[in-house]
Amino acid sequence: MPLRGDDIRERNEKIVLRFIRDSLNTGSSQSEVVQKTGLKAPTVFRIYTRLENLGLIEPVLSKGEASEKIERKGRRPTAYRIKPNALYMIGLDFWAESLTMGVFDLCGEALLSETKALDQSLTAVQVTDLIAEQITAAIRRLKIKREKILGVGVGAPGQVNVITREVSFYSRIKDMTAFPIAAELEALLKLPVTLSNNCAVLALAECRYSLRQPQNSLFMFLLRAGVNGAFIIGDSIFTTARATTIESGHIAIQADGPRCPCGSKGCLEALLTELHDRQTSQRDWLFSGLLPADVPSASAAGTGVPVSIDSARAAAPSRSSVAETPSAKLILDQAASYLAAALRTVARLYNPHTVLFVAESLNLAEAVGQRVHSLNRDYASHFDAEQAAIYAQAYDPVLAQRGAAELVLDVFFNG
């Protein structure tokens, strides 16, 4: 079906708006947009005029230009940028222990970031109600007009179906099976909701903002109460043929291993969670307290830089290894052997350019990442001529919020 004129106009406007957004505060001139997009100059002129009239963009003026503005009415500024607070996105990541939420403007500026603990007795419906209450309170506090909110991006735990917009299965919150959380939130908030897996939204943000490698593929392992993974390729979250997010925590490592909450046996998650006696609750972080706490690698802007684990670093002791007790070393060695086996399966299926381990602390992520790197380097097969670069990172709630908000932004720009 051919595109209608209105559809073409809207598409072109969003192409230009995204180009201007990507230029950040330096702004983009009409001539730059013509050159980069191939749109005709009169078309770009009309789009700039319309976007400015809609209050979405504004001229970039130097101090001198601003003071002379009245005298230069006839001369259009050459560069425009996104107008702060023109539009907003809300991003949220939750799991059994907590929910973390951020509000961002169209420029990507974080206007609010907060984290709330969740009571372990809450059901899926009660968690959904609480999420809606938190979002409503944030909108009121910031005095944002609802018509300026593009939508809410949600990173949910467990396997997510992005077409039905349901959480297919998550064992740690009661009744969160085939649960239509996006539709429930839309009914409560009267705002559009975009849903994906919480590991996937964090991986998307890591790829775009921390590693800054949107052109490369990334596989990320998130060690939280259990373990999950996400694959980013082509600057997008990979989903299966049935439109579900992947569940690498349930890769079978041992055919006759321990029973997993998913119903199967020998899953990666089941093997990891039984290693550490201090993980007394299904809601604790994996290996919490096993290593000394460290200074988080995150930043207030949600753009913390991951630590690279190359061959030289992998051969040397990690920063935390000097503080490892014999029991901690035993647990981490065994955990790394399971994760290394899972990564070999991941490498056969996806062959990513980069692998990232995210955990409660950078010390833990780095200790695991170095062990996995060493194991897979020492037992590389003929399929591993080009091994993925490995990085470690502490979990950053603002980055998770930002990744969830990116879901909204991608729908807005790409439809």
Protein backbone atom coordinates (compact mmCIF):
# COMPACT_ATOMS: atom_id res chain seq x y z
CA MET A 1 0.00 0.00 0.00
CA PRO A 2 1.58 3.33 -1.06
CA LEU A 3 2.22 5.98 1.56
CA ARG A 4 -0.22 8.87 1.70
CA GLY A 5 0.97 12.46 1.59
CA ASP A 6 0.33 12.98 5.31
CA ASP A 7 2.33 9.83 6.14
CA ILE A 8 5.26 11.01 4.04
CA ARG A 9 5.18 14.44 5.67
CA GLU A 10 5.12 12.94 9.16
CA ARG A 11 7.95 10.56 8.31
CA ASN A 12 10.08 13.39 6.94
CA GLU A 13 9.39 15.55 9.98
CA LYS A 14 10.58 12.77 12.29
CA ILE A 15 13.69 12.18 10.19
CA VAL A 16 14.58 15.86 10.59
CA LEU A 17 13.62 15.97 14.27
CA ARG A 18 15.78 12.96 15.06
CA PHE A 19 18.70 14.46 13.16
CA ILE A 20 18.37 17.66 15.17
CA ARG A 21 18.09 15.68 18.43
CA ASP A 22 21.25 13.72 17.65
CA SER A 23 23.15 16.99 17.17
CA LEU A 24 22.56 17.78 20.87
CA ASN A 25 23.11 21.39 21.95
CA THR A 26 25.24 22.31 18.94
CA GLY A 27 22.15 22.12 16.78
CA SER A 28 21.74 21.40 13.07
CA SER A 29 21.35 23.80 10.21
CA GLN A 30 18.93 23.30 7.35
CA SER A 31 21.80 22.87 4.91
CA GLU A 32 23.26 20.05 7.07
CA VAL A 33 19.92 18.26 7.09
CA VAL A 34 19.56 18.64 3.31
CA GLN A 35 23.05 17.20 2.82
CA LYS A 36 22.64 14.28 5.25
CA THR A 37 19.05 13.25 4.53
CA GLY A 38 18.68 13.95 0.83
CA LEU A 39 15.47 15.90 1.42
CA LYS A 40 14.89 18.93 -0.80
CA ALA A 41 15.78 22.36 0.63
CA PRO A 42 12.19 23.74 0.39
CA THR A 43 10.91 20.62 2.20
CA VAL A 44 13.45 21.05 4.99
CA PHE A 45 12.60 24.76 5.29
CA ARG A 46 8.89 23.91 5.71
CA ILE A 47 9.70 21.21 8.26
CA TYR A 48 11.91 23.53 10.32
CA THR A 49 9.17 26.17 10.29
CA ARG A 50 6.53 23.67 11.38
CA LEU A 51 8.68 22.12 14.12
CA GLU A 52 9.48 25.58 15.47
CA ASN A 53 5.80 26.56 15.44
CA LEU A 54 4.97 23.36 17.31
CA GLY A 55 7.46 24.33 20.00
CA LEU A 56 9.71 21.33 19.38
CA ILE A 57 12.87 23.14 18.24
CA GLU A 58 14.51 26.47 18.94
CA PRO A 59 17.40 28.46 17.45
CA VAL A 60 20.87 28.06 18.89
CA LEU A 61 22.02 31.59 19.66
CA SER A 62 25.35 32.72 21.01
CA LYS A 63 25.34 35.45 23.65
CA GLY A 64 26.13 38.02 21.03
CA GLU A 65 23.39 36.80 18.73
CA ALA A 66 20.86 36.78 21.55
CA SER A 67 21.59 40.43 22.39
CA GLU A 68 21.29 41.44 18.74
CA LYS A 69 18.15 39.40 18.11
CA ILE A 70 15.86 42.43 17.87
CA GLU A 71 18.09 44.14 15.31
CA ARG A 72 18.35 41.03 13.12
CA LYS A 73 14.70 40.08 12.73
CA GLY A 74 15.06 39.28 9.05
CA ARG A 75 17.89 36.79 9.43
CA ARG A 76 17.11 33.19 10.39
CA PRO A 77 19.59 31.51 12.76
CA THR A 78 21.50 28.77 10.97
CA ALA A 79 21.28 26.09 13.65
CA TYR A 80 18.37 24.68 15.67
CA ARG A 81 18.25 22.28 18.59
CA ILE A 82 15.51 20.40 20.45
CA LYS A 83 13.65 22.71 22.79
CA PRO A 84 14.04 21.56 26.41
CA ASN A 85 10.85 20.15 27.92
CA ALA A 86 9.11 20.02 24.53
CA LEU A 87 8.13 16.37 25.03
CA TYR A 88 8.73 13.73 27.71
CA MET A 89 9.31 9.99 28.09
CA ILE A 90 9.02 7.84 31.20
CA GLY A 91 11.24 4.77 31.63
CA LEU A 92 10.80 2.08 34.26
CA ASP A 93 12.63 -1.12 35.20
CA PHE A 94 11.28 -3.49 37.86
CA TRP A 95 11.88 -6.92 39.31
CA ALA A 96 10.99 -8.78 42.50
CA GLU A 97 13.00 -6.54 44.81
CA SER A 98 12.38 -3.03 43.49
CA LEU A 99 11.21 -0.71 40.77
CA THR A 100 13.24 2.17 39.41
CA MET A 101 11.71 4.99 37.37
CA GLY A 102 13.00 8.00 35.47
CA VAL A 103 11.45 10.89 33.57
CA PHE A 104 13.36 12.29 30.58
CA ASP A 105 12.76 15.15 28.19
CA LEU A 106 13.15 14.81 24.44
CA CYS A 107 16.77 15.97 24.71
CA GLY A 108 17.47 12.96 26.94
CA GLU A 109 17.89 15.04 30.09
CA ALA A 110 16.95 13.12 33.25
CA LEU A 111 14.40 15.21 35.16
CA LEU A 112 13.61 12.69 37.88
CA SER A 113 15.04 9.37 39.04
CA GLU A 114 13.76 7.31 41.95
CA THR A 115 13.86 3.74 43.20
CA LYS A 116 11.32 2.04 45.45
CA ALA A 117 11.56 -1.30 47.25
CA LEU A 118 8.80 -3.81 46.57
CA ASP A 119 7.15 -5.91 49.26
CA GLN A 120 7.63 -9.61 48.56
CA SER A 121 3.94 -10.34 49.16
CA LEU A 122 2.75 -8.18 46.24
CA THR A 123 0.93 -9.85 43.36
CA ALA A 124 1.28 -8.91 39.70
CA VAL A 125 -1.85 -6.73 39.86
CA GLN A 126 -0.63 -4.97 43.02
CA VAL A 127 2.79 -4.30 41.49
CA THR A 128 1.07 -2.84 38.42
CA ASP A 129 -1.10 -0.58 40.58
CA LEU A 130 2.00 0.59 42.46
CA ILE A 131 3.81 1.36 39.21
CA ALA A 132 0.86 3.45 38.03
CA GLU A 133 0.79 5.32 41.36
CA GLN A 134 4.51 6.10 41.14
CA ILE A 135 4.21 7.40 37.58
CA THR A 136 1.13 9.51 38.39
CA ALA A 137 2.88 11.03 41.41
CA ALA A 138 5.96 11.87 39.31
CA ILE A 139 3.84 13.58 36.63
CA ARG A 140 2.14 15.69 39.28
CA ARG A 141 5.40 16.55 41.01
CA LEU A 142 7.01 17.72 37.76
CA LYS A 143 3.80 19.47 36.65
CA ILE A 144 3.98 17.88 33.22
CA LYS A 145 1.02 18.11 30.87
CA ARG A 146 -0.06 14.62 29.86
CA GLU A 147 -0.41 15.58 26.20
CA LYS A 148 3.34 16.23 26.17
CA ILE A 149 4.17 12.69 27.35
CA LEU A 150 5.09 10.43 24.44
CA GLY A 151 4.59 7.32 26.52
CA VAL A 152 5.92 4.94 29.15
CA GLY A 153 8.63 2.36 28.47
CA VAL A 154 8.65 -0.65 30.79
CA GLY A 155 11.45 -3.13 31.30
CA ALA A 156 9.71 -6.09 32.95
CA PRO A 157 11.29 -9.20 34.47
CA GLY A 158 11.02 -12.66 32.97
CA GLN A 159 10.19 -13.51 29.38
CA VAL A 160 8.20 -10.80 27.58
CA ASN A 161 6.11 -11.09 24.44
CA VAL A 162 6.44 -7.75 22.64
CA ILE A 163 3.42 -8.38 20.38
CA THR A 164 0.87 -9.43 23.01
CA ARG A 165 2.67 -7.09 25.44
CA GLU A 166 2.54 -9.63 28.24
CA VAL A 167 5.01 -11.01 30.75
CA SER A 168 4.96 -14.65 29.67
CA PHE A 169 6.50 -16.00 32.86
CA TYR A 170 8.24 -14.64 35.96
CA SER A 171 8.36 -16.87 39.03
CA ARG A 172 9.35 -14.31 41.67
CA ILE A 173 6.14 -12.22 41.57
CA LYS A 174 2.88 -14.04 42.23
CA ASP A 175 0.52 -14.42 39.24
CA MET A 176 2.98 -12.90 36.78
CA THR A 177 2.31 -15.50 34.10
CA ALA A 178 0.72 -14.47 30.77
CA PHE A 179 0.15 -11.15 32.50
CA PRO A 180 -0.92 -8.24 30.21
CA ILE A 181 0.96 -5.56 32.09
CA ALA A 182 1.14 -3.05 29.23
CA ALA A 183 -2.63 -3.06 28.69
CA GLU A 184 -3.23 -2.84 32.44
CA LEU A 185 -0.95 0.18 32.76
CA GLU A 186 -2.50 1.90 29.75
CA ALA A 187 -5.94 1.53 31.35
CA LEU A 188 -4.68 3.06 34.59
CA LEU A 189 -2.50 5.83 33.14
CA LYS A 190 -4.25 6.71 29.88
CA LEU A 191 -0.80 6.79 28.27
CA PRO A 192 0.75 4.53 25.61
CA VAL A 193 3.01 1.82 27.05
CA THR A 194 5.85 -0.01 25.27
CA LEU A 195 7.06 -3.23 26.87
CA SER A 196 10.25 -5.26 26.77
CA ASN A 197 12.39 -7.29 29.14
CA ASN A 198 14.34 -5.40 31.83
CA CYS A 199 17.65 -7.00 30.84
CA ALA A 200 17.00 -6.02 27.22
CA VAL A 201 16.33 -2.34 27.97
CA LEU A 202 19.48 -2.12 30.06
CA ALA A 203 21.50 -3.76 27.27
CA LEU A 204 20.05 -1.29 24.76
CA ALA A 205 21.14 1.66 26.92
CA GLU A 206 24.57 0.12 27.55
CA CYS A 207 25.06 -0.23 23.80
CA ARG A 208 23.94 3.33 23.00
CA TYR A 209 25.24 5.33 25.96
CA SER A 210 27.99 3.42 27.81
CA LEU A 211 29.80 1.37 25.20
CA ARG A 212 28.65 3.76 22.45
CA GLN A 213 28.77 0.94 19.91
CA PRO A 214 25.31 0.96 18.27
CA GLN A 215 26.83 -0.38 15.07
CA ASN A 216 28.17 -3.50 16.83
CA SER A 217 26.27 -6.41 18.35
CA LEU A 218 26.17 -6.83 22.13
CA PHE A 219 25.23 -9.75 24.34
CA MET A 220 24.71 -8.86 27.99
CA PHE A 221 24.40 -11.11 31.03
CA LEU A 222 22.59 -9.53 33.99
CA LEU A 223 23.26 -11.21 37.35
CA ARG A 224 20.40 -10.13 39.58
CA ALA A 225 18.16 -12.48 41.62
CA GLY A 226 18.72 -14.94 38.82
CA VAL A 227 20.48 -14.48 35.51
CA ASN A 228 19.21 -13.35 32.15
CA GLY A 229 20.68 -12.18 28.89
CA ALA A 230 19.80 -9.89 26.01
CA PHE A 231 21.13 -9.52 22.50
CA ILE A 232 21.35 -6.16 20.74
CA ILE A 233 21.93 -6.18 16.99
CA GLY A 234 21.39 -3.41 14.46
CA ASP A 235 20.77 -1.02 17.38
CA SER A 236 17.65 -3.05 18.24
CA ILE A 237 16.58 -5.64 20.82
CA PHE A 238 16.61 -9.14 19.35
CA THR A 239 13.40 -11.15 19.79
CA THR A 240 12.54 -14.70 18.79
CA ALA A 241 10.33 -15.83 15.90
CA ARG A 242 7.45 -15.84 18.40
CA ALA A 243 8.15 -12.21 19.38
CA THR A 244 9.48 -13.09 22.83
CA THR A 245 12.62 -11.81 24.50
CA ILE A 246 15.32 -14.43 24.94
CA GLU A 247 15.81 -16.37 28.19
CA SER A 248 19.51 -17.20 28.43
CA GLY A 249 19.12 -17.89 32.15
CA HIS A 250 17.31 -21.04 31.11
CA ILE A 251 19.94 -22.44 28.79
CA ALA A 252 20.35 -26.09 29.83
CA ILE A 253 23.86 -26.62 31.24
CA GLN A 254 23.38 -30.01 32.96
CA ALA A 255 20.91 -32.55 31.57
CA ASP A 256 20.17 -33.93 35.04
CA GLY A 257 20.87 -30.81 37.09
CA PRO A 258 18.74 -29.22 39.82
CA ARG A 259 15.09 -28.41 39.24
CA CYS A 260 14.48 -24.84 38.03
CA PRO A 261 11.43 -22.66 38.88
CA CYS A 262 10.66 -22.69 35.14
CA GLY A 263 9.88 -26.41 35.46
CA SER A 264 12.93 -27.73 33.64
CA LYS A 265 16.18 -29.15 35.04
CA GLY A 266 19.80 -28.06 34.85
CA CYS A 267 19.16 -24.45 33.75
CA LEU A 268 21.96 -21.92 34.13
CA GLU A 269 19.91 -19.97 36.67
CA ALA A 270 19.16 -23.04 38.79
CA LEU A 271 22.85 -23.93 38.92
CA LEU A 272 23.95 -20.41 39.86
CA THR A 273 21.31 -19.78 42.53
CA GLU A 274 22.14 -22.97 44.45
CA LEU A 275 25.85 -22.04 44.71
CA HIS A 276 25.61 -19.30 47.30
CA ASP A 277 24.19 -20.05 50.74
CA ARG A 278 23.90 -16.34 51.57
CA GLN A 279 21.28 -15.91 48.87
CA THR A 280 18.57 -16.94 51.34
CA SER A 281 15.75 -15.33 49.36
CA GLN A 282 14.77 -15.54 45.72
CA ARG A 283 14.82 -11.75 45.80
CA ASP A 284 18.46 -11.20 46.80
CA TRP A 285 21.14 -10.25 44.27
CA LEU A 286 23.22 -13.22 43.12
CA PHE A 287 26.41 -13.54 45.19
CA SER A 288 25.50 -10.45 47.25
CA GLY A 289 28.15 -9.77 49.90
CA LEU A 290 30.53 -12.34 48.46
CA LEU A 291 33.08 -9.64 47.57
CA PRO A 292 33.83 -6.23 49.11
CA ALA A 293 31.62 -3.39 47.96
CA ASP A 294 33.16 -1.04 45.45
CA VAL A 295 32.63 2.44 44.11
CA PRO A 296 29.80 2.17 41.54
CA SER A 297 30.81 2.74 37.94
CA ALA A 298 27.50 4.46 37.28
CA SER A 299 27.00 8.19 36.89
CA ALA A 300 24.08 10.41 37.72
CA ALA A 301 23.37 10.74 34.01
CA GLY A 302 23.19 6.99 33.52
CA THR A 303 26.23 6.81 31.27
CA GLY A 304 28.78 4.95 33.38
CA VAL A 305 31.71 3.46 31.47
CA PRO A 306 32.15 -0.35 31.60
CA VAL A 307 35.54 -1.86 32.40
CA SER A 308 37.24 -3.68 29.53
CA ILE A 309 38.53 -7.19 30.20
CA ASP A 310 41.22 -7.97 27.65
CA SER A 311 43.63 -10.88 27.49
CA ALA A 312 46.27 -9.16 29.60
CA ARG A 313 43.80 -8.24 32.34
CA ALA A 314 42.24 -11.70 32.25
CA ALA A 315 45.64 -13.27 32.92
CA ALA A 316 46.21 -11.02 35.95
CA PRO A 317 44.32 -11.08 39.27
CA SER A 318 41.19 -8.93 39.42
CA ARG A 319 41.09 -5.95 41.77
CA SER A 320 38.82 -7.91 44.12
CA SER A 321 40.74 -11.21 44.07
CA VAL A 322 43.07 -10.15 46.87
CA ALA A 323 40.02 -9.94 49.15
CA GLU A 324 38.46 -13.24 48.04
CA THR A 325 38.04 -15.83 50.76
CA PRO A 326 38.62 -19.48 49.82
CA SER A 327 34.86 -20.10 49.83
CA ALA A 328 34.20 -17.03 47.68
CA LYS A 329 36.85 -18.15 45.21
CA LEU A 330 35.28 -21.61 45.01
CA ILE A 331 31.81 -20.18 44.37
CA LEU A 332 32.99 -17.72 41.73
CA ASP A 333 35.11 -20.34 39.95
CA GLN A 334 32.13 -22.67 39.71
CA ALA A 335 29.77 -19.87 38.66
CA ALA A 336 32.21 -18.81 35.94
CA SER A 337 32.38 -22.36 34.60
CA TYR A 338 28.59 -22.40 34.14
CA LEU A 339 28.57 -18.92 32.59
CA ALA A 340 31.46 -19.80 30.29
CA ALA A 341 29.49 -22.81 29.02
CA ALA A 342 26.44 -20.60 28.47
CA LEU A 343 28.56 -18.02 26.64
CA ARG A 344 29.90 -20.68 24.29
CA THR A 345 26.31 -21.53 23.37
CA VAL A 346 25.53 -17.82 22.93
CA ALA A 347 28.60 -17.39 20.72
CA ARG A 348 27.51 -20.26 18.47
CA LEU A 349 24.01 -18.82 18.08
CA TYR A 350 24.69 -15.07 17.88
CA ASN A 351 28.47 -14.54 17.53
CA PRO A 352 28.34 -11.07 19.18
CA HIS A 353 31.09 -8.48 18.83
CA THR A 354 30.89 -7.61 22.53
CA VAL A 355 29.85 -9.36 25.74
CA LEU A 356 29.00 -7.45 28.91
CA PHE A 357 28.59 -8.79 32.45
CA VAL A 358 26.46 -6.63 34.77
CA ALA A 359 26.17 -7.40 38.48
CA GLU A 360 25.40 -5.72 41.80
CA SER A 361 28.96 -4.39 42.00
CA LEU A 362 31.77 -3.76 39.57
CA ASN A 363 34.06 -5.98 41.65
CA LEU A 364 31.71 -8.92 41.17
CA ALA A 365 31.07 -8.27 37.47
CA GLU A 366 34.80 -7.96 36.81
CA ALA A 367 35.69 -11.07 38.83
CA VAL A 368 33.15 -13.14 36.90
CA GLY A 369 34.03 -11.61 33.54
CA GLN A 370 37.74 -12.27 33.93
CA ARG A 371 37.18 -15.89 34.90
CA VAL A 372 34.81 -16.49 31.97
CA HIS A 373 37.26 -14.83 29.58
CA SER A 374 40.12 -17.03 30.81
CA LEU A 375 38.11 -20.25 30.58
CA ASN A 376 36.88 -19.60 27.06
CA ARG A 377 40.31 -18.41 25.91
CA ASP A 378 41.97 -21.57 27.27
CA TYR A 379 39.37 -23.87 25.68
CA ALA A 380 38.67 -21.99 22.45
CA SER A 381 37.43 -24.06 19.53
CA HIS A 382 38.01 -23.60 15.82
CA PHE A 383 34.79 -21.55 15.76
CA ASP A 384 36.37 -18.95 18.05
CA ALA A 385 38.95 -17.37 15.75
CA GLU A 386 37.42 -13.96 16.60
CA GLN A 387 36.36 -13.85 20.23
CA ALA A 388 34.06 -11.16 21.57
CA ALA A 389 35.47 -8.28 23.59
CA ILE A 390 34.35 -8.67 27.22
CA TYR A 391 33.36 -5.84 29.57
CA ALA A 392 32.14 -5.57 33.16
CA GLN A 393 29.77 -3.02 34.67
CA ALA A 394 27.91 -2.37 37.92
CA TYR A 395 24.13 -2.17 37.59
CA ASP A 396 23.09 1.44 36.99
CA PRO A 397 19.40 2.20 37.70
CA VAL A 398 19.46 5.46 35.72
CA LEU A 399 20.84 3.61 32.70
CA ALA A 400 18.03 1.05 33.03
CA GLN A 401 15.48 3.88 33.18
CA ARG A 402 17.06 5.47 30.13
CA GLY A 403 16.92 2.20 28.20
CA ALA A 404 13.20 1.82 28.97
CA ALA A 405 12.60 5.41 27.85
CA GLU A 406 14.44 4.60 24.60
CA LEU A 407 11.63 2.14 23.80
CA VAL A 408 9.23 5.08 23.70
CA LEU A 409 11.61 7.18 21.63
CA ASP A 410 12.09 4.41 19.08
CA VAL A 411 8.32 4.01 18.64
CA PHE A 412 7.95 7.78 18.25
CA PHE A 413 10.65 8.09 15.59
CA ASN A 414 10.20 4.77 13.80
CA GLY A 415 6.50 4.03 14.25
